Full PDB file with SEQRES, HELIX, SHEET, SSBOND, CRYST1, ORIGX, SCALE, CONECT and MASTER records, all heavy atoms in Angstrom:
SEQRES   1 A   43  ARG THR HIS LEU ASP ARG CYS LEU THR CYS ARG ALA CYS          
SEQRES   2 A   43  GLU THR THR CYS PRO SER GLY VAL ARG TYR GLY GLU LEU          
SEQRES   3 A   43  ALA GLU ILE GLY ARG GLU VAL LEU GLU GLU GLN ARG PRO          
SEQRES   4 A   43  SER ARG ASN LEU                                              
HELIX    1 AA1 THR A    2  ASP A    5  1                                   4    
HELIX    2 AA2 ALA A   12  THR A   16  1                                   5    
HELIX    3 AA3 TYR A   23  GLN A   37  1                                  15    
CRYST1    1.000    1.000    1.000  90.00  90.00  90.00 P 1           1          
ORIGX1      1.000000  0.000000  0.000000        0.00000                         
ORIGX2      0.000000  1.000000  0.000000        0.00000                         
ORIGX3      0.000000  0.000000  1.000000        0.00000                         
SCALE1      1.000000  0.000000  0.000000        0.00000                         
SCALE2      0.000000  1.000000  0.000000        0.00000                         
SCALE3      0.000000  0.000000  1.000000        0.00000                         
ATOM      1  N   ARG A   1      -8.425   0.456   5.106  1.00  0.00           N  
ATOM      2  CA  ARG A   1      -8.000   1.853   5.082  1.00  0.00           C  
ATOM      3  C   ARG A   1      -7.023   2.131   6.218  1.00  0.00           C  
ATOM      4  O   ARG A   1      -5.965   2.730   6.021  1.00  0.00           O  
ATOM      5  CB  ARG A   1      -9.227   2.764   5.175  1.00  0.00           C  
ATOM      6  CG  ARG A   1      -8.944   4.203   5.538  1.00  0.00           C  
ATOM      7  CD  ARG A   1      -8.188   4.966   4.458  1.00  0.00           C  
ATOM      8  NE  ARG A   1      -9.023   5.261   3.318  1.00  0.00           N  
ATOM      9  CZ  ARG A   1      -8.574   5.848   2.203  1.00  0.00           C  
ATOM     10  NH1 ARG A   1      -7.298   6.142   2.087  1.00  0.00           N  
ATOM     11  NH2 ARG A   1      -9.382   6.107   1.191  1.00  0.00           N  
ATOM     12  N   THR A   2      -7.355   1.699   7.428  1.00  0.00           N  
ATOM     13  CA  THR A   2      -6.511   1.971   8.594  1.00  0.00           C  
ATOM     14  C   THR A   2      -5.115   1.408   8.423  1.00  0.00           C  
ATOM     15  O   THR A   2      -4.109   2.102   8.640  1.00  0.00           O  
ATOM     16  CB  THR A   2      -7.153   1.380   9.860  1.00  0.00           C  
ATOM     17  OG1 THR A   2      -8.382   2.053  10.114  1.00  0.00           O  
ATOM     18  CG2 THR A   2      -6.232   1.542  11.068  1.00  0.00           C  
ATOM     19  N   HIS A   3      -5.025   0.150   8.018  1.00  0.00           N  
ATOM     20  CA  HIS A   3      -3.709  -0.500   7.995  1.00  0.00           C  
ATOM     21  C   HIS A   3      -2.901  -0.147   6.755  1.00  0.00           C  
ATOM     22  O   HIS A   3      -1.654  -0.110   6.817  1.00  0.00           O  
ATOM     23  CB  HIS A   3      -3.882  -2.009   8.142  1.00  0.00           C  
ATOM     24  CG  HIS A   3      -4.445  -2.394   9.483  1.00  0.00           C  
ATOM     25  ND1 HIS A   3      -3.697  -2.330  10.638  1.00  0.00           N  
ATOM     26  CD2 HIS A   3      -5.695  -2.784   9.852  1.00  0.00           C  
ATOM     27  CE1 HIS A   3      -4.453  -2.700  11.668  1.00  0.00           C  
ATOM     28  NE2 HIS A   3      -5.663  -2.978  11.223  1.00  0.00           N  
ATOM     29  N   LEU A   4      -3.550   0.166   5.633  1.00  0.00           N  
ATOM     30  CA  LEU A   4      -2.790   0.650   4.481  1.00  0.00           C  
ATOM     31  C   LEU A   4      -2.314   2.074   4.708  1.00  0.00           C  
ATOM     32  O   LEU A   4      -1.231   2.457   4.250  1.00  0.00           O  
ATOM     33  CB  LEU A   4      -3.633   0.560   3.211  1.00  0.00           C  
ATOM     34  CG  LEU A   4      -3.722  -0.827   2.573  1.00  0.00           C  
ATOM     35  CD1 LEU A   4      -4.625  -0.802   1.363  1.00  0.00           C  
ATOM     36  CD2 LEU A   4      -2.354  -1.355   2.190  1.00  0.00           C  
ATOM     37  N   ASP A   5      -3.100   2.875   5.419  1.00  0.00           N  
ATOM     38  CA  ASP A   5      -2.650   4.230   5.758  1.00  0.00           C  
ATOM     39  C   ASP A   5      -1.436   4.191   6.678  1.00  0.00           C  
ATOM     40  O   ASP A   5      -0.594   5.093   6.640  1.00  0.00           O  
ATOM     41  CB  ASP A   5      -3.773   5.020   6.437  1.00  0.00           C  
ATOM     42  CG  ASP A   5      -4.784   5.590   5.443  1.00  0.00           C  
ATOM     43  OD1 ASP A   5      -4.549   5.470   4.221  1.00  0.00           O  
ATOM     44  OD2 ASP A   5      -5.815   6.130   5.887  1.00  0.00           O  
ATOM     45  N   ARG A   6      -1.332   3.165   7.511  1.00  0.00           N  
ATOM     46  CA  ARG A   6      -0.188   3.062   8.422  1.00  0.00           C  
ATOM     47  C   ARG A   6       1.077   2.567   7.733  1.00  0.00           C  
ATOM     48  O   ARG A   6       2.159   2.607   8.319  1.00  0.00           O  
ATOM     49  CB  ARG A   6      -0.525   2.105   9.576  1.00  0.00           C  
ATOM     50  CG  ARG A   6      -1.429   2.712  10.638  1.00  0.00           C  
ATOM     51  CD  ARG A   6      -1.491   1.791  11.835  1.00  0.00           C  
ATOM     52  NE  ARG A   6      -2.549   2.218  12.742  1.00  0.00           N  
ATOM     53  CZ  ARG A   6      -3.312   1.395  13.435  1.00  0.00           C  
ATOM     54  NH1 ARG A   6      -3.122   0.078  13.334  1.00  0.00           N  
ATOM     55  NH2 ARG A   6      -4.239   1.851  14.235  1.00  0.00           N  
ATOM     56  N   CYS A   7       0.950   2.103   6.503  1.00  0.00           N  
ATOM     57  CA  CYS A   7       2.128   1.619   5.769  1.00  0.00           C  
ATOM     58  C   CYS A   7       2.964   2.804   5.308  1.00  0.00           C  
ATOM     59  O   CYS A   7       2.462   3.751   4.708  1.00  0.00           O  
ATOM     60  CB  CYS A   7       1.684   0.794   4.561  1.00  0.00           C  
ATOM     61  SG  CYS A   7       3.043   0.275   3.503  1.00  0.00           S  
ATOM     62  N   LEU A   8       4.260   2.751   5.555  1.00  0.00           N  
ATOM     63  CA  LEU A   8       5.185   3.819   5.178  1.00  0.00           C  
ATOM     64  C   LEU A   8       5.546   3.789   3.696  1.00  0.00           C  
ATOM     65  O   LEU A   8       6.113   4.753   3.172  1.00  0.00           O  
ATOM     66  CB  LEU A   8       6.480   3.682   5.988  1.00  0.00           C  
ATOM     67  CG  LEU A   8       6.374   3.882   7.491  1.00  0.00           C  
ATOM     68  CD1 LEU A   8       7.281   2.899   8.217  1.00  0.00           C  
ATOM     69  CD2 LEU A   8       6.725   5.304   7.869  1.00  0.00           C  
ATOM     70  N   THR A   9       5.280   2.668   3.030  1.00  0.00           N  
ATOM     71  CA  THR A   9       5.761   2.418   1.672  1.00  0.00           C  
ATOM     72  C   THR A   9       7.282   2.534   1.619  1.00  0.00           C  
ATOM     73  O   THR A   9       7.851   3.043   0.657  1.00  0.00           O  
ATOM     74  CB  THR A   9       5.113   3.355   0.633  1.00  0.00           C  
ATOM     75  OG1 THR A   9       3.733   3.562   0.974  1.00  0.00           O  
ATOM     76  CG2 THR A   9       5.148   2.732  -0.755  1.00  0.00           C  
ATOM     77  N   CYS A  10       7.930   2.078   2.686  1.00  0.00           N  
ATOM     78  CA  CYS A  10       9.403   2.131   2.717  1.00  0.00           C  
ATOM     79  C   CYS A  10      10.029   1.072   1.821  1.00  0.00           C  
ATOM     80  O   CYS A  10      11.181   1.202   1.417  1.00  0.00           O  
ATOM     81  CB  CYS A  10       9.897   1.968   4.157  1.00  0.00           C  
ATOM     82  SG  CYS A  10       9.625   0.318   4.856  1.00  0.00           S  
ATOM     83  N   ARG A  11       9.272  -0.003   1.555  1.00  0.00           N  
ATOM     84  CA  ARG A  11       9.683  -1.082   0.659  1.00  0.00           C  
ATOM     85  C   ARG A  11      10.853  -1.900   1.182  1.00  0.00           C  
ATOM     86  O   ARG A  11      11.522  -2.609   0.423  1.00  0.00           O  
ATOM     87  CB  ARG A  11       9.944  -0.537  -0.746  1.00  0.00           C  
ATOM     88  CG  ARG A  11       8.676   0.021  -1.385  1.00  0.00           C  
ATOM     89  CD  ARG A  11       8.923   0.801  -2.658  1.00  0.00           C  
ATOM     90  NE  ARG A  11       9.467  -0.009  -3.724  1.00  0.00           N  
ATOM     91  CZ  ARG A  11       9.726   0.451  -4.939  1.00  0.00           C  
ATOM     92  NH1 ARG A  11       9.474   1.708  -5.232  1.00  0.00           N  
ATOM     93  NH2 ARG A  11      10.233  -0.338  -5.858  1.00  0.00           N  
ATOM     94  N   ALA A  12      11.089  -1.835   2.501  1.00  0.00           N  
ATOM     95  CA  ALA A  12      12.096  -2.722   3.083  1.00  0.00           C  
ATOM     96  C   ALA A  12      11.704  -4.173   2.873  1.00  0.00           C  
ATOM     97  O   ALA A  12      12.567  -5.053   2.744  1.00  0.00           O  
ATOM     98  CB  ALA A  12      12.257  -2.423   4.570  1.00  0.00           C  
ATOM     99  N   CYS A  13      10.401  -4.428   2.821  1.00  0.00           N  
ATOM    100  CA  CYS A  13       9.927  -5.796   2.586  1.00  0.00           C  
ATOM    101  C   CYS A  13      10.389  -6.310   1.225  1.00  0.00           C  
ATOM    102  O   CYS A  13      10.643  -7.509   1.056  1.00  0.00           O  
ATOM    103  CB  CYS A  13       8.406  -5.848   2.702  1.00  0.00           C  
ATOM    104  SG  CYS A  13       7.524  -4.641   1.679  1.00  0.00           S  
ATOM    105  N   GLU A  14      10.498  -5.425   0.247  1.00  0.00           N  
ATOM    106  CA  GLU A  14      10.884  -5.852  -1.097  1.00  0.00           C  
ATOM    107  C   GLU A  14      12.332  -6.326  -1.146  1.00  0.00           C  
ATOM    108  O   GLU A  14      12.652  -7.282  -1.852  1.00  0.00           O  
ATOM    109  CB  GLU A  14      10.677  -4.717  -2.094  1.00  0.00           C  
ATOM    110  CG  GLU A  14       9.225  -4.403  -2.385  1.00  0.00           C  
ATOM    111  CD  GLU A  14       9.063  -3.466  -3.566  1.00  0.00           C  
ATOM    112  OE1 GLU A  14      10.046  -3.245  -4.301  1.00  0.00           O  
ATOM    113  OE2 GLU A  14       7.948  -2.948  -3.754  1.00  0.00           O  
ATOM    114  N   THR A  15      13.213  -5.645  -0.409  1.00  0.00           N  
ATOM    115  CA  THR A  15      14.617  -6.059  -0.423  1.00  0.00           C  
ATOM    116  C   THR A  15      14.860  -7.247   0.493  1.00  0.00           C  
ATOM    117  O   THR A  15      15.968  -7.785   0.524  1.00  0.00           O  
ATOM    118  CB  THR A  15      15.532  -4.885  -0.022  1.00  0.00           C  
ATOM    119  OG1 THR A  15      15.059  -4.297   1.189  1.00  0.00           O  
ATOM    120  CG2 THR A  15      15.554  -3.825  -1.098  1.00  0.00           C  
ATOM    121  N   THR A  16      13.843  -7.661   1.239  1.00  0.00           N  
ATOM    122  CA  THR A  16      13.931  -8.840   2.109  1.00  0.00           C  
ATOM    123  C   THR A  16      13.281 -10.059   1.472  1.00  0.00           C  
ATOM    124  O   THR A  16      13.734 -11.182   1.672  1.00  0.00           O  
ATOM    125  CB  THR A  16      13.225  -8.555   3.455  1.00  0.00           C  
ATOM    126  OG1 THR A  16      13.815  -7.418   4.058  1.00  0.00           O  
ATOM    127  CG2 THR A  16      13.324  -9.742   4.392  1.00  0.00           C  
ATOM    128  N   CYS A  17      12.232  -9.850   0.691  1.00  0.00           N  
ATOM    129  CA  CYS A  17      11.390 -10.940   0.188  1.00  0.00           C  
ATOM    130  C   CYS A  17      12.161 -11.898  -0.719  1.00  0.00           C  
ATOM    131  O   CYS A  17      12.727 -11.483  -1.732  1.00  0.00           O  
ATOM    132  CB  CYS A  17      10.209 -10.355  -0.589  1.00  0.00           C  
ATOM    133  SG  CYS A  17       9.125 -11.608  -1.297  1.00  0.00           S  
ATOM    134  N   PRO A  18      12.185 -13.195  -0.388  1.00  0.00           N  
ATOM    135  CA  PRO A  18      12.895 -14.154  -1.246  1.00  0.00           C  
ATOM    136  C   PRO A  18      12.155 -14.480  -2.534  1.00  0.00           C  
ATOM    137  O   PRO A  18      12.739 -15.059  -3.459  1.00  0.00           O  
ATOM    138  CB  PRO A  18      12.988 -15.408  -0.348  1.00  0.00           C  
ATOM    139  CG  PRO A  18      11.805 -15.307   0.561  1.00  0.00           C  
ATOM    140  CD  PRO A  18      11.605 -13.839   0.810  1.00  0.00           C  
ATOM    141  N   SER A  19      10.876 -14.102  -2.618  1.00  0.00           N  
ATOM    142  CA  SER A  19      10.075 -14.408  -3.804  1.00  0.00           C  
ATOM    143  C   SER A  19       9.943 -13.231  -4.754  1.00  0.00           C  
ATOM    144  O   SER A  19       9.315 -13.349  -5.805  1.00  0.00           O  
ATOM    145  CB  SER A  19       8.670 -14.862  -3.376  1.00  0.00           C  
ATOM    146  OG  SER A  19       8.746 -16.002  -2.547  1.00  0.00           O  
ATOM    147  N   GLY A  20      10.502 -12.070  -4.373  1.00  0.00           N  
ATOM    148  CA  GLY A  20      10.459 -10.903  -5.241  1.00  0.00           C  
ATOM    149  C   GLY A  20       9.089 -10.275  -5.373  1.00  0.00           C  
ATOM    150  O   GLY A  20       8.747  -9.722  -6.425  1.00  0.00           O  
ATOM    151  N   VAL A  21       8.285 -10.321  -4.311  1.00  0.00           N  
ATOM    152  CA  VAL A  21       6.954  -9.717  -4.356  1.00  0.00           C  
ATOM    153  C   VAL A  21       7.080  -8.207  -4.521  1.00  0.00           C  
ATOM    154  O   VAL A  21       7.784  -7.550  -3.748  1.00  0.00           O  
ATOM    155  CB  VAL A  21       6.154 -10.043  -3.068  1.00  0.00           C  
ATOM    156  CG1 VAL A  21       4.805  -9.320  -3.080  1.00  0.00           C  
ATOM    157  CG2 VAL A  21       5.944 -11.540  -2.940  1.00  0.00           C  
ATOM    158  N   ARG A  22       6.386  -7.640  -5.504  1.00  0.00           N  
ATOM    159  CA  ARG A  22       6.425  -6.192  -5.749  1.00  0.00           C  
ATOM    160  C   ARG A  22       5.387  -5.517  -4.858  1.00  0.00           C  
ATOM    161  O   ARG A  22       4.336  -5.065  -5.309  1.00  0.00           O  
ATOM    162  CB  ARG A  22       6.158  -5.916  -7.227  1.00  0.00           C  
ATOM    163  CG  ARG A  22       7.213  -6.471  -8.170  1.00  0.00           C  
ATOM    164  CD  ARG A  22       8.553  -5.759  -8.017  1.00  0.00           C  
ATOM    165  NE  ARG A  22       8.426  -4.357  -8.343  1.00  0.00           N  
ATOM    166  CZ  ARG A  22       8.616  -3.852  -9.558  1.00  0.00           C  
ATOM    167  NH1 ARG A  22       8.924  -4.650 -10.573  1.00  0.00           N  
ATOM    168  NH2 ARG A  22       8.485  -2.564  -9.772  1.00  0.00           N  
ATOM    169  N   TYR A  23       5.708  -5.459  -3.581  1.00  0.00           N  
ATOM    170  CA  TYR A  23       4.738  -4.953  -2.608  1.00  0.00           C  
ATOM    171  C   TYR A  23       4.374  -3.492  -2.873  1.00  0.00           C  
ATOM    172  O   TYR A  23       3.204  -3.112  -2.751  1.00  0.00           O  
ATOM    173  CB  TYR A  23       5.279  -5.091  -1.185  1.00  0.00           C  
ATOM    174  CG  TYR A  23       4.374  -4.425  -0.171  1.00  0.00           C  
ATOM    175  CD1 TYR A  23       3.258  -5.062   0.319  1.00  0.00           C  
ATOM    176  CD2 TYR A  23       4.628  -3.116   0.267  1.00  0.00           C  
ATOM    177  CE1 TYR A  23       2.404  -4.442   1.218  1.00  0.00           C  
ATOM    178  CE2 TYR A  23       3.784  -2.483   1.157  1.00  0.00           C  
ATOM    179  CZ  TYR A  23       2.678  -3.152   1.628  1.00  0.00           C  
ATOM    180  OH  TYR A  23       1.829  -2.527   2.501  1.00  0.00           O  
ATOM    181  N   GLY A  24       5.346  -2.658  -3.209  1.00  0.00           N  
ATOM    182  CA  GLY A  24       5.067  -1.246  -3.431  1.00  0.00           C  
ATOM    183  C   GLY A  24       4.044  -1.036  -4.525  1.00  0.00           C  
ATOM    184  O   GLY A  24       3.136  -0.205  -4.408  1.00  0.00           O  
ATOM    185  N   GLU A  25       4.171  -1.793  -5.611  1.00  0.00           N  
ATOM    186  CA  GLU A  25       3.223  -1.696  -6.717  1.00  0.00           C  
ATOM    187  C   GLU A  25       1.844  -2.187  -6.281  1.00  0.00           C  
ATOM    188  O   GLU A  25       0.814  -1.601  -6.648  1.00  0.00           O  
ATOM    189  CB  GLU A  25       3.747  -2.519  -7.892  1.00  0.00           C  
ATOM    190  CG  GLU A  25       3.016  -2.285  -9.183  1.00  0.00           C  
ATOM    191  CD  GLU A  25       3.630  -3.053 -10.349  1.00  0.00           C  
ATOM    192  OE1 GLU A  25       4.785  -3.512 -10.234  1.00  0.00           O  
ATOM    193  OE2 GLU A  25       2.916  -3.199 -11.359  1.00  0.00           O  
ATOM    194  N   LEU A  26       1.821  -3.263  -5.501  1.00  0.00           N  
ATOM    195  CA  LEU A  26       0.544  -3.786  -5.009  1.00  0.00           C  
ATOM    196  C   LEU A  26      -0.129  -2.794  -4.069  1.00  0.00           C  
ATOM    197  O   LEU A  26      -1.353  -2.615  -4.111  1.00  0.00           O  
ATOM    198  CB  LEU A  26       0.774  -5.123  -4.293  1.00  0.00           C  
ATOM    199  CG  LEU A  26      -0.479  -5.881  -3.856  1.00  0.00           C  
ATOM    200  CD1 LEU A  26      -1.314  -6.305  -5.061  1.00  0.00           C  
ATOM    201  CD2 LEU A  26      -0.096  -7.098  -3.009  1.00  0.00           C  
ATOM    202  N   ALA A  27       0.657  -2.125  -3.238  1.00  0.00           N  
ATOM    203  CA  ALA A  27       0.100  -1.111  -2.338  1.00  0.00           C  
ATOM    204  C   ALA A  27      -0.511   0.043  -3.128  1.00  0.00           C  
ATOM    205  O   ALA A  27      -1.551   0.595  -2.740  1.00  0.00           O  
ATOM    206  CB  ALA A  27       1.175  -0.594  -1.385  1.00  0.00           C  
ATOM    207  N   GLU A  28       0.126   0.428  -4.235  1.00  0.00           N  
ATOM    208  CA  GLU A  28      -0.451   1.464  -5.092  1.00  0.00           C  
ATOM    209  C   GLU A  28      -1.845   1.050  -5.571  1.00  0.00           C  
ATOM    210  O   GLU A  28      -2.790   1.853  -5.549  1.00  0.00           O  
ATOM    211  CB  GLU A  28       0.441   1.701  -6.321  1.00  0.00           C  
ATOM    212  CG  GLU A  28       1.758   2.394  -6.042  1.00  0.00           C  
ATOM    213  CD  GLU A  28       2.664   2.377  -7.266  1.00  0.00           C  
ATOM    214  OE1 GLU A  28       2.167   2.041  -8.368  1.00  0.00           O  
ATOM    215  OE2 GLU A  28       3.853   2.688  -7.129  1.00  0.00           O  
ATOM    216  N   ILE A  29      -1.977  -0.203  -5.997  1.00  0.00           N  
ATOM    217  CA  ILE A  29      -3.262  -0.693  -6.484  1.00  0.00           C  
ATOM    218  C   ILE A  29      -4.284  -0.709  -5.354  1.00  0.00           C  
ATOM    219  O   ILE A  29      -5.431  -0.271  -5.526  1.00  0.00           O  
ATOM    220  CB  ILE A  29      -3.093  -2.100  -7.096  1.00  0.00           C  
ATOM    221  CG1 ILE A  29      -2.228  -2.029  -8.353  1.00  0.00           C  
ATOM    222  CG2 ILE A  29      -4.458  -2.724  -7.399  1.00  0.00           C  
ATOM    223  CD1 ILE A  29      -1.819  -3.378  -8.913  1.00  0.00           C  
ATOM    224  N   GLY A  30      -3.883  -1.208  -4.174  1.00  0.00           N  
ATOM    225  CA  GLY A  30      -4.797  -1.252  -3.046  1.00  0.00           C  
ATOM    226  C   GLY A  30      -5.286   0.124  -2.641  1.00  0.00           C  
ATOM    227  O   GLY A  30      -6.487   0.330  -2.378  1.00  0.00           O  
ATOM    228  N   ARG A  31      -4.395   1.089  -2.627  1.00  0.00           N  
ATOM    229  CA  ARG A  31      -4.789   2.454  -2.255  1.00  0.00           C  
ATOM    230  C   ARG A  31      -5.674   3.092  -3.319  1.00  0.00           C  
ATOM    231  O   ARG A  31      -6.580   3.870  -3.012  1.00  0.00           O  
ATOM    232  CB  ARG A  31      -3.531   3.289  -2.016  1.00  0.00           C  
ATOM    233  CG  ARG A  31      -2.840   2.929  -0.705  1.00  0.00           C  
ATOM    234  CD  ARG A  31      -1.483   3.549  -0.600  1.00  0.00           C  
ATOM    235  NE  ARG A  31      -0.950   3.400   0.759  1.00  0.00           N  
ATOM    236  CZ  ARG A  31       0.336   3.363   1.041  1.00  0.00           C  
ATOM    237  NH1 ARG A  31       1.233   3.491   0.079  1.00  0.00           N  
ATOM    238  NH2 ARG A  31       0.746   3.228   2.296  1.00  0.00           N  
ATOM    239  N   GLU A  32      -5.404   2.770  -4.568  1.00  0.00           N  
ATOM    240  CA  GLU A  32      -6.251   3.297  -5.641  1.00  0.00           C  
ATOM    241  C   GLU A  32      -7.675   2.760  -5.507  1.00  0.00           C  
ATOM    242  O   GLU A  32      -8.652   3.516  -5.633  1.00  0.00           O  
ATOM    243  CB  GLU A  32      -5.663   2.910  -7.000  1.00  0.00           C  
ATOM    244  CG  GLU A  32      -6.442   3.458  -8.177  1.00  0.00           C  
ATOM    245  CD  GLU A  32      -5.836   3.038  -9.509  1.00  0.00           C  
ATOM    246  OE1 GLU A  32      -5.134   1.998  -9.554  1.00  0.00           O  
ATOM    247  OE2 GLU A  32      -6.081   3.732 -10.505  1.00  0.00           O  
ATOM    248  N   VAL A  33      -7.810   1.458  -5.238  1.00  0.00           N  
ATOM    249  CA  VAL A  33      -9.135   0.859  -5.062  1.00  0.00           C  
ATOM    250  C   VAL A  33      -9.843   1.486  -3.861  1.00  0.00           C  
ATOM    251  O   VAL A  33     -11.031   1.825  -3.918  1.00  0.00           O  
ATOM    252  CB  VAL A  33      -9.017  -0.671  -4.886  1.00  0.00           C  
ATOM    253  CG1 VAL A  33     -10.375  -1.273  -4.492  1.00  0.00           C  
ATOM    254  CG2 VAL A  33      -8.505  -1.319  -6.166  1.00  0.00           C  
ATOM    255  N   LEU A  34      -9.112   1.650  -2.755  1.00  0.00           N  
ATOM    256  CA  LEU A  34      -9.704   2.278  -1.570  1.00  0.00           C  
ATOM    257  C   LEU A  34     -10.197   3.687  -1.867  1.00  0.00           C  
ATOM    258  O   LEU A  34     -11.293   4.077  -1.455  1.00  0.00           O  
ATOM    259  CB  LEU A  34      -8.671   2.335  -0.448  1.00  0.00           C  
ATOM    260  CG  LEU A  34      -8.536   1.122   0.463  1.00  0.00           C  
ATOM    261  CD1 LEU A  34      -7.361   1.313   1.407  1.00  0.00           C  
ATOM    262  CD2 LEU A  34      -9.813   0.876   1.254  1.00  0.00           C  
ATOM    263  N   GLU A  35      -9.387   4.451  -2.574  1.00  0.00           N  
ATOM    264  CA  GLU A  35      -9.741   5.837  -2.828  1.00  0.00           C  
ATOM    265  C   GLU A  35     -10.940   5.934  -3.770  1.00  0.00           C  
ATOM    266  O   GLU A  35     -11.746   6.857  -3.663  1.00  0.00           O  
ATOM    267  CB  GLU A  35      -8.538   6.587  -3.404  1.00  0.00           C  
ATOM    268  CG  GLU A  35      -8.637   8.094  -3.346  1.00  0.00           C  
ATOM    269  CD  GLU A  35      -8.748   8.651  -1.935  1.00  0.00           C  
ATOM    270  OE1 GLU A  35      -8.355   7.956  -0.971  1.00  0.00           O  
ATOM    271  OE2 GLU A  35      -9.249   9.786  -1.798  1.00  0.00           O  
ATOM    272  N   GLU A  36     -11.055   5.000  -4.688  1.00  0.00           N  
ATOM    273  CA  GLU A  36     -12.208   4.981  -5.586  1.00  0.00           C  
ATOM    274  C   GLU A  36     -13.496   4.642  -4.837  1.00  0.00           C  
ATOM    275  O   GLU A  36     -14.541   5.240  -5.074  1.00  0.00           O  
ATOM    276  CB  GLU A  36     -11.989   3.954  -6.702  1.00  0.00           C  
ATOM    277  CG  GLU A  36     -10.966   4.371  -7.734  1.00  0.00           C  
ATOM    278  CD  GLU A  36     -10.676   3.267  -8.729  1.00  0.00           C  
ATOM    279  OE1 GLU A  36     -11.225   2.141  -8.582  1.00  0.00           O  
ATOM    280  OE2 GLU A  36      -9.883   3.509  -9.650  1.00  0.00           O  
ATOM    281  N   GLN A  37     -13.398   3.667  -3.926  1.00  0.00           N  
ATOM    282  CA  GLN A  37     -14.603   3.167  -3.271  1.00  0.00           C  
ATOM    283  C   GLN A  37     -14.890   3.820  -1.929  1.00  0.00           C  
ATOM    284  O   GLN A  37     -16.044   3.895  -1.503  1.00  0.00           O  
ATOM    285  CB  GLN A  37     -14.483   1.648  -3.073  1.00  0.00           C  
ATOM    286  CG  GLN A  37     -14.373   0.870  -4.364  1.00  0.00           C  
ATOM    287  CD  GLN A  37     -14.374  -0.626  -4.127  1.00  0.00           C  
ATOM    288  OE1 GLN A  37     -14.675  -1.090  -3.041  1.00  0.00           O  
ATOM    289  NE2 GLN A  37     -14.044  -1.382  -5.150  1.00  0.00           N  
ATOM    290  N   ARG A  38     -13.853   4.252  -1.252  1.00  0.00           N  
ATOM    291  CA  ARG A  38     -14.014   4.833   0.085  1.00  0.00           C  
ATOM    292  C   ARG A  38     -13.060   6.023   0.214  1.00  0.00           C  
ATOM    293  O   ARG A  38     -12.060   5.960   0.917  1.00  0.00           O  
ATOM    294  CB  ARG A  38     -13.711   3.770   1.147  1.00  0.00           C  
ATOM    295  CG  ARG A  38     -14.166   4.113   2.550  1.00  0.00           C  
ATOM    296  CD  ARG A  38     -13.714   3.011   3.525  1.00  0.00           C  
ATOM    297  NE  ARG A  38     -14.180   3.259   4.861  1.00  0.00           N  
ATOM    298  CZ  ARG A  38     -15.280   2.736   5.376  1.00  0.00           C  
ATOM    299  NH1 ARG A  38     -16.033   1.929   4.650  1.00  0.00           N  
ATOM    300  NH2 ARG A  38     -15.647   3.008   6.612  1.00  0.00           N  
ATOM    301  N   PRO A  39     -13.338   7.127  -0.485  1.00  0.00           N  
ATOM    302  CA  PRO A  39     -12.409   8.269  -0.514  1.00  0.00           C  
ATOM    303  C   PRO A  39     -12.092   8.785   0.885  1.00  0.00           C  
ATOM    304  O   PRO A  39     -12.966   8.847   1.753  1.00  0.00           O  
ATOM    305  CB  PRO A  39     -13.169   9.322  -1.327  1.00  0.00           C  
ATOM    306  CG  PRO A  39     -14.158   8.551  -2.122  1.00  0.00           C  
ATOM    307  CD  PRO A  39     -14.548   7.382  -1.274  1.00  0.00           C  
ATOM    308  N   SER A  40     -10.828   9.134   1.082  1.00  0.00           N  
ATOM    309  CA  SER A  40     -10.412   9.672   2.379  1.00  0.00           C  
ATOM    310  C   SER A  40     -11.062  11.024   2.633  1.00  0.00           C  
ATOM    311  O   SER A  40     -11.152  11.866   1.733  1.00  0.00           O  
ATOM    312  CB  SER A  40      -8.888   9.835   2.414  1.00  0.00           C  
ATOM    313  OG  SER A  40      -8.486  10.507   3.576  1.00  0.00           O  
ATOM    314  N   ARG A  41     -11.523  11.215   3.875  1.00  0.00           N  
ATOM    315  CA  ARG A  41     -12.088  12.504   4.266  1.00  0.00           C  
ATOM    316  C   ARG A  41     -11.167  13.212   5.254  1.00  0.00           C  
ATOM    317  O   ARG A  41     -11.588  14.163   5.915  1.00  0.00           O  
ATOM    318  CB  ARG A  41     -13.469  12.292   4.886  1.00  0.00           C  
ATOM    319  CG  ARG A  41     -14.495  11.754   3.899  1.00  0.00           C  
ATOM    320  CD  ARG A  41     -15.891  11.858   4.447  1.00  0.00           C  
ATOM    321  NE  ARG A  41     -16.863  11.418   3.457  1.00  0.00           N  
ATOM    322  CZ  ARG A  41     -17.604  10.330   3.585  1.00  0.00           C  
ATOM    323  NH1 ARG A  41     -17.476   9.576   4.661  1.00  0.00           N  
ATOM    324  NH2 ARG A  41     -18.482   9.991   2.661  1.00  0.00           N  
ATOM    325  N   ASN A  42      -9.926  12.745   5.367  1.00  0.00           N  
ATOM    326  CA  ASN A  42      -8.960  13.366   6.266  1.00  0.00           C  
ATOM    327  C   ASN A  42      -8.628  14.772   5.749  1.00  0.00           C  
ATOM    328  O   ASN A  42      -8.065  14.931   4.661  1.00  0.00           O  
ATOM    329  CB  ASN A  42      -7.700  12.504   6.337  1.00  0.00           C  
ATOM    330  CG  ASN A  42      -6.675  13.028   7.313  1.00  0.00           C  
ATOM    331  OD1 ASN A  42      -6.174  14.141   7.161  1.00  0.00           O  
ATOM    332  ND2 ASN A  42      -6.351  12.231   8.319  1.00  0.00           N  
ATOM    333  N   LEU A  43      -8.974  15.789   6.529  1.00  0.00           N  
ATOM    334  CA  LEU A  43      -8.816  17.169   6.077  1.00  0.00           C  
ATOM    335  C   LEU A  43      -7.358  17.517   5.818  1.00  0.00           C  
ATOM    336  O   LEU A  43      -7.033  18.169   4.819  1.00  0.00           O  
ATOM    337  CB  LEU A  43      -9.410  18.131   7.111  1.00  0.00           C  
ATOM    338  CG  LEU A  43      -9.301  19.627   6.775  1.00  0.00           C  
ATOM    339  CD1 LEU A  43      -9.996  19.930   5.456  1.00  0.00           C  
ATOM    340  CD2 LEU A  43      -9.890  20.467   7.901  1.00  0.00           C  
TER     341      LEU A  43                                                      
MASTER        0    0    0    3    0    0    0    6  340    1    0    4          
END                                                                             
C-alpha cells in the first residue's frame, strides 16, 4: 500500500522499458487488489 500509493503513475518507465512492460495497467490491477483486500481509510 505504501509504495504503490507513492507511485505517480507518470508512466515514464513505460517509455523507457526495452521490453514494453505495461506498468500502468499492472499498477491498476495492483491497486484494485489492494482496495478490495485492504481498503484505504485515508480521509
